[in-house]
All heavy atoms as atom14 arrays in JSON, in Angstrom:
{
  "sequence": "RMIEDRRANVRRVPLPGAPYNILEDFDFSLSYLTSRALLTDRPSF",
  "atom14_mask": [
    [1, 1, 1, 1, 1, 1, 1, 1, 1, 1, 1, 0, 0, 0],
    [1, 1, 1, 1, 1, 1, 1, 1, 0, 0, 0, 0, 0, 0],
    [1, 1, 1, 1, 1, 1, 1, 1, 0, 0, 0, 0, 0, 0],
    [1, 1, 1, 1, 1, 1, 1, 1, 1, 0, 0, 0, 0, 0],
    [1, 1, 1, 1, 1, 1, 1, 1, 0, 0, 0, 0, 0, 0],
    [1, 1, 1, 1, 1, 1, 1, 1, 1, 1, 1, 0, 0, 0],
    [1, 1, 1, 1, 1, 1, 1, 1, 1, 1, 1, 0, 0, 0],
    [1, 1, 1, 1, 1, 0, 0, 0, 0, 0, 0, 0, 0, 0],
    [1, 1, 1, 1, 1, 1, 1, 1, 0, 0, 0, 0, 0, 0],
    [1, 1, 1, 1, 1, 1, 1, 0, 0, 0, 0, 0, 0, 0],
    [1, 1, 1, 1, 1, 1, 1, 1, 1, 1, 1, 0, 0, 0],
    [1, 1, 1, 1, 1, 1, 1, 1, 1, 1, 1, 0, 0, 0],
    [1, 1, 1, 1, 1, 1, 1, 0, 0, 0, 0, 0, 0, 0],
    [1, 1, 1, 1, 1, 1, 1, 0, 0, 0, 0, 0, 0, 0],
    [1, 1, 1, 1, 1, 1, 1, 1, 0, 0, 0, 0, 0, 0],
    [1, 1, 1, 1, 1, 1, 1, 0, 0, 0, 0, 0, 0, 0],
    [1, 1, 1, 1, 0, 0, 0, 0, 0, 0, 0, 0, 0, 0],
    [1, 1, 1, 1, 1, 0, 0, 0, 0, 0, 0, 0, 0, 0],
    [1, 1, 1, 1, 1, 1, 1, 0, 0, 0, 0, 0, 0, 0],
    [1, 1, 1, 1, 1, 1, 1, 1, 1, 1, 1, 1, 0, 0],
    [1, 1, 1, 1, 1, 1, 1, 1, 0, 0, 0, 0, 0, 0],
    [1, 1, 1, 1, 1, 1, 1, 1, 0, 0, 0, 0, 0, 0],
    [1, 1, 1, 1, 1, 1, 1, 1, 0, 0, 0, 0, 0, 0],
    [1, 1, 1, 1, 1, 1, 1, 1, 1, 0, 0, 0, 0, 0],
    [1, 1, 1, 1, 1, 1, 1, 1, 0, 0, 0, 0, 0, 0],
    [1, 1, 1, 1, 1, 1, 1, 1, 1, 1, 1, 0, 0, 0],
    [1, 1, 1, 1, 1, 1, 1, 1, 0, 0, 0, 0, 0, 0],
    [1, 1, 1, 1, 1, 1, 1, 1, 1, 1, 1, 0, 0, 0],
    [1, 1, 1, 1, 1, 1, 0, 0, 0, 0, 0, 0, 0, 0],
    [1, 1, 1, 1, 1, 1, 1, 1, 0, 0, 0, 0, 0, 0],
    [1, 1, 1, 1, 1, 1, 0, 0, 0, 0, 0, 0, 0, 0],
    [1, 1, 1, 1, 1, 1, 1, 1, 1, 1, 1, 1, 0, 0],
    [1, 1, 1, 1, 1, 1, 1, 1, 0, 0, 0, 0, 0, 0],
    [1, 1, 1, 1, 1, 1, 1, 0, 0, 0, 0, 0, 0, 0],
    [1, 1, 1, 1, 1, 1, 0, 0, 0, 0, 0, 0, 0, 0],
    [1, 1, 1, 1, 1, 1, 1, 1, 1, 1, 1, 0, 0, 0],
    [1, 1, 1, 1, 1, 0, 0, 0, 0, 0, 0, 0, 0, 0],
    [1, 1, 1, 1, 1, 1, 1, 1, 0, 0, 0, 0, 0, 0],
    [1, 1, 1, 1, 1, 1, 1, 1, 0, 0, 0, 0, 0, 0],
    [1, 1, 1, 1, 1, 1, 1, 0, 0, 0, 0, 0, 0, 0],
    [1, 1, 1, 1, 1, 1, 1, 1, 0, 0, 0, 0, 0, 0],
    [1, 1, 1, 1, 1, 1, 1, 1, 1, 1, 1, 0, 0, 0],
    [1, 1, 1, 1, 1, 1, 1, 0, 0, 0, 0, 0, 0, 0],
    [1, 1, 1, 1, 1, 1, 0, 0, 0, 0, 0, 0, 0, 0],
    [1, 1, 1, 1, 1, 1, 1, 1, 1, 1, 1, 0, 0, 0]
  ],
  "atom14_positions": [
    [[-68.1, 86.05, -25.57], [-69.14, 85.21, -24.99], [-68.54, 84.09, -24.14], [-69.03, 83.78, -23.06], [-70.01, 84.62, -26.1], [-71.15, 83.73, -25.59], [-72.03, 83.24, -26.71], [-71.34, 82.37, -27.65], [-71.05, 82.7, -28.9], [-71.37, 83.88, -29.38], [-70.41, 81.84, -29.7], [0.0, 0.0, 0.0], [0.0, 0.0, 0.0], [0.0, 0.0, 0.0]],
    [[-67.44, 83.5, -24.61], [-66.84, 82.39, -23.89], [-66.04, 82.85, -22.67], [-65.9, 82.12, -21.69], [-65.97, 81.56, -24.85], [-66.8, 80.75, -25.84], [-65.82, 79.72, -26.95], [-65.48, 80.87, -28.29], [0.0, 0.0, 0.0], [0.0, 0.0, 0.0], [0.0, 0.0, 0.0], [0.0, 0.0, 0.0], [0.0, 0.0, 0.0], [0.0, 0.0, 0.0]],
    [[-65.53, 84.08, -22.73], [-64.79, 84.63, -21.6], [-65.73, 85.11, -20.5], [-65.44, 84.98, -19.31], [-63.88, 85.79, -22.07], [-62.74, 85.25, -22.93], [-63.32, 86.56, -20.87], [-61.91, 86.34, -23.59], [0.0, 0.0, 0.0], [0.0, 0.0, 0.0], [0.0, 0.0, 0.0], [0.0, 0.0, 0.0], [0.0, 0.0, 0.0], [0.0, 0.0, 0.0]],
    [[-66.87, 85.67, -20.89], [-67.82, 86.25, -19.93], [-68.21, 85.23, -18.86], [-68.59, 84.09, -19.15], [-69.08, 86.72, -20.66], [-70.1, 87.38, -19.76], [-71.37, 87.76, -20.49], [-71.48, 87.44, -21.7], [-72.24, 88.37, -19.88], [0.0, 0.0, 0.0], [0.0, 0.0, 0.0], [0.0, 0.0, 0.0], [0.0, 0.0, 0.0], [0.0, 0.0, 0.0]],
    [[-68.07, 85.65, -17.6], [-68.44, 84.79, -16.46], [-67.76, 83.43, -16.51], [-68.31, 82.42, -16.06], [-69.96, 84.61, -16.38], [-70.7, 85.91, -16.14], [-70.11, 86.81, -15.5], [-71.85, 86.04, -16.58], [0.0, 0.0, 0.0], [0.0, 0.0, 0.0], [0.0, 0.0, 0.0], [0.0, 0.0, 0.0], [0.0, 0.0, 0.0], [0.0, 0.0, 0.0]],
    [[-66.57, 83.37, -17.11], [-65.78, 82.14, -17.19], [-66.57, 81.0, -17.84], [-66.43, 79.83, -17.5], [-65.33, 81.71, -15.79], [-64.43, 82.72, -15.12], [-64.02, 82.31, -13.71], [-65.16, 82.25, -12.83], [-65.64, 81.11, -12.32], [-65.1, 79.96, -12.61], [-66.67, 81.14, -11.51], [0.0, 0.0, 0.0], [0.0, 0.0, 0.0], [0.0, 0.0, 0.0]],
    [[-67.39, 81.35, -18.83], [-68.25, 80.33, -19.45], [-67.45, 79.23, -20.15], [-67.95, 78.11, -20.3], [-69.21, 81.0, -20.44], [-70.27, 81.84, -19.74], [-71.23, 82.44, -20.74], [-72.21, 83.29, -20.09], [-73.14, 83.97, -20.74], [-73.22, 83.9, -22.05], [-74.0, 84.72, -20.08], [0.0, 0.0, 0.0], [0.0, 0.0, 0.0], [0.0, 0.0, 0.0]],
    [[-66.24, 79.55, -20.59], [-65.42, 78.51, -21.21], [-65.14, 77.38, -20.23], [-64.94, 76.23, -20.64], [-64.1, 79.1, -21.72], [0.0, 0.0, 0.0], [0.0, 0.0, 0.0], [0.0, 0.0, 0.0], [0.0, 0.0, 0.0], [0.0, 0.0, 0.0], [0.0, 0.0, 0.0], [0.0, 0.0, 0.0], [0.0, 0.0, 0.0], [0.0, 0.0, 0.0]],
    [[-65.14, 77.68, -18.95], [-64.97, 76.65, -17.92], [-66.31, 76.06, -17.5], [-66.48, 74.84, -17.45], [-64.27, 77.23, -16.69], [-62.91, 77.81, -17.0], [-62.24, 77.38, -17.92], [-62.51, 78.81, -16.24], [0.0, 0.0, 0.0], [0.0, 0.0, 0.0], [0.0, 0.0, 0.0], [0.0, 0.0, 0.0], [0.0, 0.0, 0.0], [0.0, 0.0, 0.0]],
    [[-67.26, 76.95, -17.22], [-68.54, 76.52, -16.65], [-69.36, 75.68, -17.63], [-70.04, 74.73, -17.24], [-69.36, 77.75, -16.2], [-70.74, 77.34, -15.71], [-68.61, 78.52, -15.12], [0.0, 0.0, 0.0], [0.0, 0.0, 0.0], [0.0, 0.0, 0.0], [0.0, 0.0, 0.0], [0.0, 0.0, 0.0], [0.0, 0.0, 0.0], [0.0, 0.0, 0.0]],
    [[-69.28, 76.02, -18.91], [-70.09, 75.34, -19.93], [-69.43, 74.08, -20.51], [-69.97, 73.47, -21.42], [-70.38, 76.32, -21.08], [-71.34, 77.43, -20.69], [-72.75, 76.9, -20.62], [-73.72, 77.95, -20.44], [-75.03, 77.79, -20.59], [-75.51, 76.61, -20.94], [-75.86, 78.78, -20.41], [0.0, 0.0, 0.0], [0.0, 0.0, 0.0], [0.0, 0.0, 0.0]],
    [[-68.32, 73.72, -19.97], [-67.6, 72.55, -20.46], [-68.38, 71.27, -20.17], [-68.95, 71.11, -19.09], [-66.24, 72.51, -19.76], [-65.29, 71.5, -20.26], [-63.97, 71.66, -19.51], [-62.86, 71.16, -20.27], [-61.6, 71.33, -19.92], [-61.3, 72.01, -18.83], [-60.64, 70.84, -20.67], [0.0, 0.0, 0.0], [0.0, 0.0, 0.0], [0.0, 0.0, 0.0]],
    [[-68.4, 70.33, -21.12], [-69.08, 69.05, -20.93], [-68.07, 67.94, -21.24], [-68.08, 67.36, -22.33], [-70.32, 68.92, -21.85], [-71.09, 67.62, -21.52], [-71.23, 70.12, -21.71], [0.0, 0.0, 0.0], [0.0, 0.0, 0.0], [0.0, 0.0, 0.0], [0.0, 0.0, 0.0], [0.0, 0.0, 0.0], [0.0, 0.0, 0.0], [0.0, 0.0, 0.0]],
    [[-67.18, 67.62, -20.29], [-66.18, 66.59, -20.56], [-66.79, 65.21, -20.57], [-67.79, 64.94, -19.89], [-65.19, 66.74, -19.39], [-66.03, 67.31, -18.28], [-67.05, 68.2, -18.95], [0.0, 0.0, 0.0], [0.0, 0.0, 0.0], [0.0, 0.0, 0.0], [0.0, 0.0, 0.0], [0.0, 0.0, 0.0], [0.0, 0.0, 0.0], [0.0, 0.0, 0.0]],
    [[-66.21, 64.31, -21.34], [-66.65, 62.93, -21.38], [-65.95, 62.13, -20.29], [-64.83, 62.47, -19.89], [-66.34, 62.31, -22.74], [-67.03, 62.91, -23.96], [-66.55, 62.21, -25.22], [-68.53, 62.81, -23.83], [0.0, 0.0, 0.0], [0.0, 0.0, 0.0], [0.0, 0.0, 0.0], [0.0, 0.0, 0.0], [0.0, 0.0, 0.0], [0.0, 0.0, 0.0]],
    [[-66.56, 61.05, -19.82], [-65.86, 60.16, -18.88], [-64.57, 59.64, -19.51], [-64.54, 59.29, -20.69], [-66.87, 59.02, -18.67], [-68.2, 59.61, -19.01], [-67.93, 60.59, -20.11], [0.0, 0.0, 0.0], [0.0, 0.0, 0.0], [0.0, 0.0, 0.0], [0.0, 0.0, 0.0], [0.0, 0.0, 0.0], [0.0, 0.0, 0.0], [0.0, 0.0, 0.0]],
    [[-63.51, 59.64, -18.71], [-62.23, 59.15, -19.22], [-61.37, 60.21, -19.86], [-60.3, 59.91, -20.39], [0.0, 0.0, 0.0], [0.0, 0.0, 0.0], [0.0, 0.0, 0.0], [0.0, 0.0, 0.0], [0.0, 0.0, 0.0], [0.0, 0.0, 0.0], [0.0, 0.0, 0.0], [0.0, 0.0, 0.0], [0.0, 0.0, 0.0], [0.0, 0.0, 0.0]],
    [[-61.8, 61.49, -19.83], [-60.97, 62.56, -20.37], [-59.65, 62.6, -19.61], [-59.63, 62.32, -18.42], [-61.7, 63.9, -20.26], [0.0, 0.0, 0.0], [0.0, 0.0, 0.0], [0.0, 0.0, 0.0], [0.0, 0.0, 0.0], [0.0, 0.0, 0.0], [0.0, 0.0, 0.0], [0.0, 0.0, 0.0], [0.0, 0.0, 0.0], [0.0, 0.0, 0.0]],
    [[-58.52, 62.94, -20.24], [-58.4, 63.53, -21.57], [-58.3, 62.52, -22.71], [-58.11, 62.9, -23.85], [-57.08, 64.3, -21.47], [-56.25, 63.43, -20.57], [-57.22, 62.88, -19.56], [0.0, 0.0, 0.0], [0.0, 0.0, 0.0], [0.0, 0.0, 0.0], [0.0, 0.0, 0.0], [0.0, 0.0, 0.0], [0.0, 0.0, 0.0], [0.0, 0.0, 0.0]],
    [[-58.43, 61.23, -22.4], [-58.21, 60.21, -23.43], [-59.43, 60.03, -24.32], [-59.3, 59.73, -25.5], [-57.81, 58.9, -22.77], [-56.64, 59.08, -21.84], [-56.8, 59.08, -20.47], [-55.35, 59.29, -22.35], [-55.72, 59.29, -19.61], [-54.27, 59.49, -21.5], [-54.46, 59.49, -20.13], [-53.4, 59.7, -19.3], [0.0, 0.0, 0.0], [0.0, 0.0, 0.0]],
    [[-60.62, 60.2, -23.77], [-61.84, 60.1, -24.56], [-62.36, 61.5, -24.85], [-62.99, 62.13, -24.01], [-62.92, 59.31, -23.8], [-62.51, 57.88, -23.56], [-61.73, 57.32, -24.31], [-63.03, 57.27, -22.5], [0.0, 0.0, 0.0], [0.0, 0.0, 0.0], [0.0, 0.0, 0.0], [0.0, 0.0, 0.0], [0.0, 0.0, 0.0], [0.0, 0.0, 0.0]],
    [[-62.07, 62.0, -26.03], [-62.51, 63.35, -26.38], [-63.63, 63.34, -27.41], [-64.34, 64.33, -27.56], [-61.34, 64.2, -26.91], [-60.78, 63.61, -28.2], [-60.27, 64.36, -25.85], [-59.84, 64.54, -28.92], [0.0, 0.0, 0.0], [0.0, 0.0, 0.0], [0.0, 0.0, 0.0], [0.0, 0.0, 0.0], [0.0, 0.0, 0.0], [0.0, 0.0, 0.0]],
    [[-63.82, 62.22, -28.11], [-64.85, 62.12, -29.13], [-65.91, 61.13, -28.67], [-65.6, 60.0, -28.32], [-64.25, 61.67, -30.46], [-63.15, 62.58, -31.03], [-62.61, 62.0, -32.33], [-63.67, 63.99, -31.25], [0.0, 0.0, 0.0], [0.0, 0.0, 0.0], [0.0, 0.0, 0.0], [0.0, 0.0, 0.0], [0.0, 0.0, 0.0], [0.0, 0.0, 0.0]],
    [[-67.13, 61.57, -28.69], [-68.21, 60.75, -28.14], [-68.6, 59.61, -29.08], [-68.62, 59.75, -30.3], [-69.44, 61.62, -27.86], [-70.57, 60.89, -27.2], [-71.47, 61.79, -26.4], [-71.21, 63.0, -26.34], [-72.45, 61.28, -25.82], [0.0, 0.0, 0.0], [0.0, 0.0, 0.0], [0.0, 0.0, 0.0], [0.0, 0.0, 0.0], [0.0, 0.0, 0.0]],
    [[-68.92, 58.46, -28.48], [-69.47, 57.33, -29.22], [-70.98, 57.56, -29.32], [-71.7, 57.49, -28.32], [-69.17, 56.03, -28.48], [-69.71, 54.8, -29.22], [-70.47, 54.98, -30.19], [-69.38, 53.68, -28.81], [0.0, 0.0, 0.0], [0.0, 0.0, 0.0], [0.0, 0.0, 0.0], [0.0, 0.0, 0.0], [0.0, 0.0, 0.0], [0.0, 0.0, 0.0]],
    [[-71.47, 57.83, -30.51], [-72.87, 58.22, -30.69], [-73.8, 57.05, -30.95], [-74.98, 57.27, -31.23], [-72.99, 59.21, -31.86], [-72.48, 60.59, -31.55], [-71.46, 61.14, -32.3], [-73.02, 61.33, -30.52], [-70.99, 62.41, -32.03], [-72.56, 62.6, -30.24], [-71.54, 63.14, -30.99], [0.0, 0.0, 0.0], [0.0, 0.0, 0.0], [0.0, 0.0, 0.0]],
    [[-73.33, 55.83, -30.88], [-74.15, 54.68, -31.27], [-75.5, 54.67, -30.56], [-76.55, 54.56, -31.2], [-73.41, 53.38, -31.0], [-72.31, 53.11, -32.01], [-72.24, 53.86, -33.01], [-71.52, 52.18, -31.8], [0.0, 0.0, 0.0], [0.0, 0.0, 0.0], [0.0, 0.0, 0.0], [0.0, 0.0, 0.0], [0.0, 0.0, 0.0], [0.0, 0.0, 0.0]],
    [[-75.49, 54.78, -29.23], [-76.75, 54.7, -28.49], [-77.64, 55.9, -28.77], [-78.84, 55.77, -29.0], [-76.48, 54.59, -26.99], [-77.73, 54.48, -26.16], [-78.45, 53.3, -26.12], [-78.2, 55.57, -25.45], [-79.63, 53.2, -25.38], [-79.37, 55.49, -24.7], [-80.08, 54.3, -24.67], [0.0, 0.0, 0.0], [0.0, 0.0, 0.0], [0.0, 0.0, 0.0]],
    [[-77.05, 57.1, -28.77], [-77.83, 58.32, -28.98], [-78.46, 58.35, -30.37], [-79.64, 58.71, -30.52], [-76.95, 59.55, -28.78], [-76.41, 59.58, -27.48], [0.0, 0.0, 0.0], [0.0, 0.0, 0.0], [0.0, 0.0, 0.0], [0.0, 0.0, 0.0], [0.0, 0.0, 0.0], [0.0, 0.0, 0.0], [0.0, 0.0, 0.0], [0.0, 0.0, 0.0]],
    [[-77.69, 57.98, -31.38], [-78.23, 57.98, -32.74], [-79.31, 56.9, -32.9], [-80.31, 57.11, -33.59], [-77.12, 57.76, -33.76], [-76.05, 58.87, -33.85], [-75.04, 58.53, -34.94], [-76.69, 60.22, -34.12], [0.0, 0.0, 0.0], [0.0, 0.0, 0.0], [0.0, 0.0, 0.0], [0.0, 0.0, 0.0], [0.0, 0.0, 0.0], [0.0, 0.0, 0.0]],
    [[-79.11, 55.75, -32.25], [-80.13, 54.7, -32.3], [-81.42, 55.17, -31.64], [-82.53, 54.88, -32.12], [-79.61, 53.44, -31.59], [-78.51, 52.9, -32.27], [0.0, 0.0, 0.0], [0.0, 0.0, 0.0], [0.0, 0.0, 0.0], [0.0, 0.0, 0.0], [0.0, 0.0, 0.0], [0.0, 0.0, 0.0], [0.0, 0.0, 0.0], [0.0, 0.0, 0.0]],
    [[-81.28, 55.9, -30.53], [-82.45, 56.44, -29.82], [-83.23, 57.38, -30.73], [-84.46, 57.28, -30.84], [-81.97, 57.18, -28.57], [-83.07, 57.84, -27.77], [-83.78, 57.14, -26.8], [-83.4, 59.18, -27.99], [-84.79, 57.75, -26.06], [-84.4, 59.8, -27.26], [-85.09, 59.08, -26.3], [-86.09, 59.69, -25.58], [0.0, 0.0, 0.0], [0.0, 0.0, 0.0]],
    [[-82.53, 58.28, -31.42], [-83.2, 59.23, -32.3], [-83.77, 58.54, -33.53], [-84.86, 58.89, -34.01], [-82.21, 60.32, -32.72], [-81.73, 61.25, -31.6], [-80.61, 62.16, -32.1], [-82.88, 62.07, -31.04], [0.0, 0.0, 0.0], [0.0, 0.0, 0.0], [0.0, 0.0, 0.0], [0.0, 0.0, 0.0], [0.0, 0.0, 0.0], [0.0, 0.0, 0.0]],
    [[-83.06, 57.54, -34.03], [-83.54, 56.8, -35.19], [-84.82, 56.03, -34.87], [-85.75, 55.97, -35.68], [-82.46, 55.83, -35.69], [-81.3, 56.56, -36.06], [-82.94, 55.03, -36.89], [0.0, 0.0, 0.0], [0.0, 0.0, 0.0], [0.0, 0.0, 0.0], [0.0, 0.0, 0.0], [0.0, 0.0, 0.0], [0.0, 0.0, 0.0], [0.0, 0.0, 0.0]],
    [[-84.87, 55.45, -33.67], [-86.06, 54.67, -33.28], [-87.3, 55.53, -33.16], [-88.42, 55.01, -33.17], [-85.79, 53.96, -31.95], [-85.73, 54.89, -30.88], [0.0, 0.0, 0.0], [0.0, 0.0, 0.0], [0.0, 0.0, 0.0], [0.0, 0.0, 0.0], [0.0, 0.0, 0.0], [0.0, 0.0, 0.0], [0.0, 0.0, 0.0], [0.0, 0.0, 0.0]],
    [[-87.12, 56.83, -33.04], [-88.24, 57.76, -32.93], [-88.47, 58.53, -34.24], [-89.18, 59.55, -34.26], [-88.02, 58.72, -31.76], [-88.29, 58.02, -30.43], [-87.5, 58.6, -29.28], [-87.83, 57.87, -28.05], [-87.33, 56.69, -27.73], [-86.48, 56.09, -28.55], [-87.68, 56.1, -26.6], [0.0, 0.0, 0.0], [0.0, 0.0, 0.0], [0.0, 0.0, 0.0]],
    [[-87.85, 58.05, -35.31], [-88.04, 58.61, -36.65], [-87.6, 60.07, -36.74], [-88.06, 60.8, -37.62], [-89.49, 58.46, -37.1], [0.0, 0.0, 0.0], [0.0, 0.0, 0.0], [0.0, 0.0, 0.0], [0.0, 0.0, 0.0], [0.0, 0.0, 0.0], [0.0, 0.0, 0.0], [0.0, 0.0, 0.0], [0.0, 0.0, 0.0], [0.0, 0.0, 0.0]],
    [[-86.71, 60.48, -35.85], [-86.17, 61.84, -35.89], [-84.9, 61.91, -36.73], [-84.48, 62.99, -37.14], [-85.88, 62.35, -34.48], [-87.06, 62.31, -33.49], [-86.61, 62.79, -32.12], [-88.21, 63.17, -34.01], [0.0, 0.0, 0.0], [0.0, 0.0, 0.0], [0.0, 0.0, 0.0], [0.0, 0.0, 0.0], [0.0, 0.0, 0.0], [0.0, 0.0, 0.0]],
    [[-84.33, 60.76, -36.97], [-83.04, 60.67, -37.64], [-83.01, 59.44, -38.54], [-83.61, 58.43, -38.22], [-81.94, 60.54, -36.57], [-80.48, 60.64, -37.03], [-80.11, 62.1, -37.28], [-79.57, 60.06, -35.95], [0.0, 0.0, 0.0], [0.0, 0.0, 0.0], [0.0, 0.0, 0.0], [0.0, 0.0, 0.0], [0.0, 0.0, 0.0], [0.0, 0.0, 0.0]],
    [[-82.34, 59.57, -39.67], [-82.08, 58.42, -40.53], [-80.57, 58.25, -40.6], [-79.85, 59.17, -40.98], [-82.64, 58.63, -41.94], [-84.05, 58.85, -41.86], [-82.4, 57.4, -42.8], [0.0, 0.0, 0.0], [0.0, 0.0, 0.0], [0.0, 0.0, 0.0], [0.0, 0.0, 0.0], [0.0, 0.0, 0.0], [0.0, 0.0, 0.0], [0.0, 0.0, 0.0]],
    [[-80.1, 57.09, -40.22], [-78.66, 56.79, -40.22], [-78.4, 55.77, -41.31], [-78.89, 54.65, -41.24], [-78.27, 56.25, -38.84], [-76.77, 56.12, -38.68], [-76.04, 56.59, -39.56], [-76.34, 55.55, -37.67], [0.0, 0.0, 0.0], [0.0, 0.0, 0.0], [0.0, 0.0, 0.0], [0.0, 0.0, 0.0], [0.0, 0.0, 0.0], [0.0, 0.0, 0.0]],
    [[-77.62, 56.14, -42.3], [-77.4, 55.27, -43.46], [-75.92, 54.89, -43.52], [-75.1, 55.64, -44.07], [-77.8, 55.99, -44.74], [-79.26, 56.48, -44.69], [-79.57, 57.45, -45.8], [-80.89, 58.04, -45.62], [-81.35, 59.07, -46.31], [-80.58, 59.61, -47.25], [-82.54, 59.56, -46.08], [0.0, 0.0, 0.0], [0.0, 0.0, 0.0], [0.0, 0.0, 0.0]],
    [[-75.54, 53.76, -42.95], [-74.12, 53.36, -42.93], [-73.54, 53.21, -44.32], [-74.23, 52.87, -45.28], [-74.15, 52.02, -42.19], [-75.46, 52.0, -41.46], [-76.41, 52.8, -42.3], [0.0, 0.0, 0.0], [0.0, 0.0, 0.0], [0.0, 0.0, 0.0], [0.0, 0.0, 0.0], [0.0, 0.0, 0.0], [0.0, 0.0, 0.0], [0.0, 0.0, 0.0]],
    [[-72.24, 53.43, -44.38], [-71.55, 53.29, -45.67], [-70.96, 51.9, -45.84], [-70.41, 51.58, -46.88], [-70.42, 54.32, -45.75], [-69.48, 54.08, -44.72], [0.0, 0.0, 0.0], [0.0, 0.0, 0.0], [0.0, 0.0, 0.0], [0.0, 0.0, 0.0], [0.0, 0.0, 0.0], [0.0, 0.0, 0.0], [0.0, 0.0, 0.0], [0.0, 0.0, 0.0]],
    [[-71.04, 51.06, -44.77], [-70.52, 49.69, -44.8], [-69.0, 49.65, -44.96], [-68.45, 48.71, -45.5], [-71.19, 48.85, -45.89], [-72.69, 48.81, -45.74], [-73.49, 49.57, -46.57], [-73.28, 48.05, -44.75], [-74.87, 49.55, -46.42], [-74.66, 48.02, -44.6], [-75.46, 48.78, -45.43], [0.0, 0.0, 0.0], [0.0, 0.0, 0.0], [0.0, 0.0, 0.0]]
  ]
}
């Protein structure tokens, strides 16, 4: 599936600052989903 039609290249979603930023900061996205009661985020402190 990933080889077909070079999808491993075409379907890539790099983050700004790659290759140094490979893990996304989810703070804003999780807050957005939490504010709409789609997600509950329970920090461990």
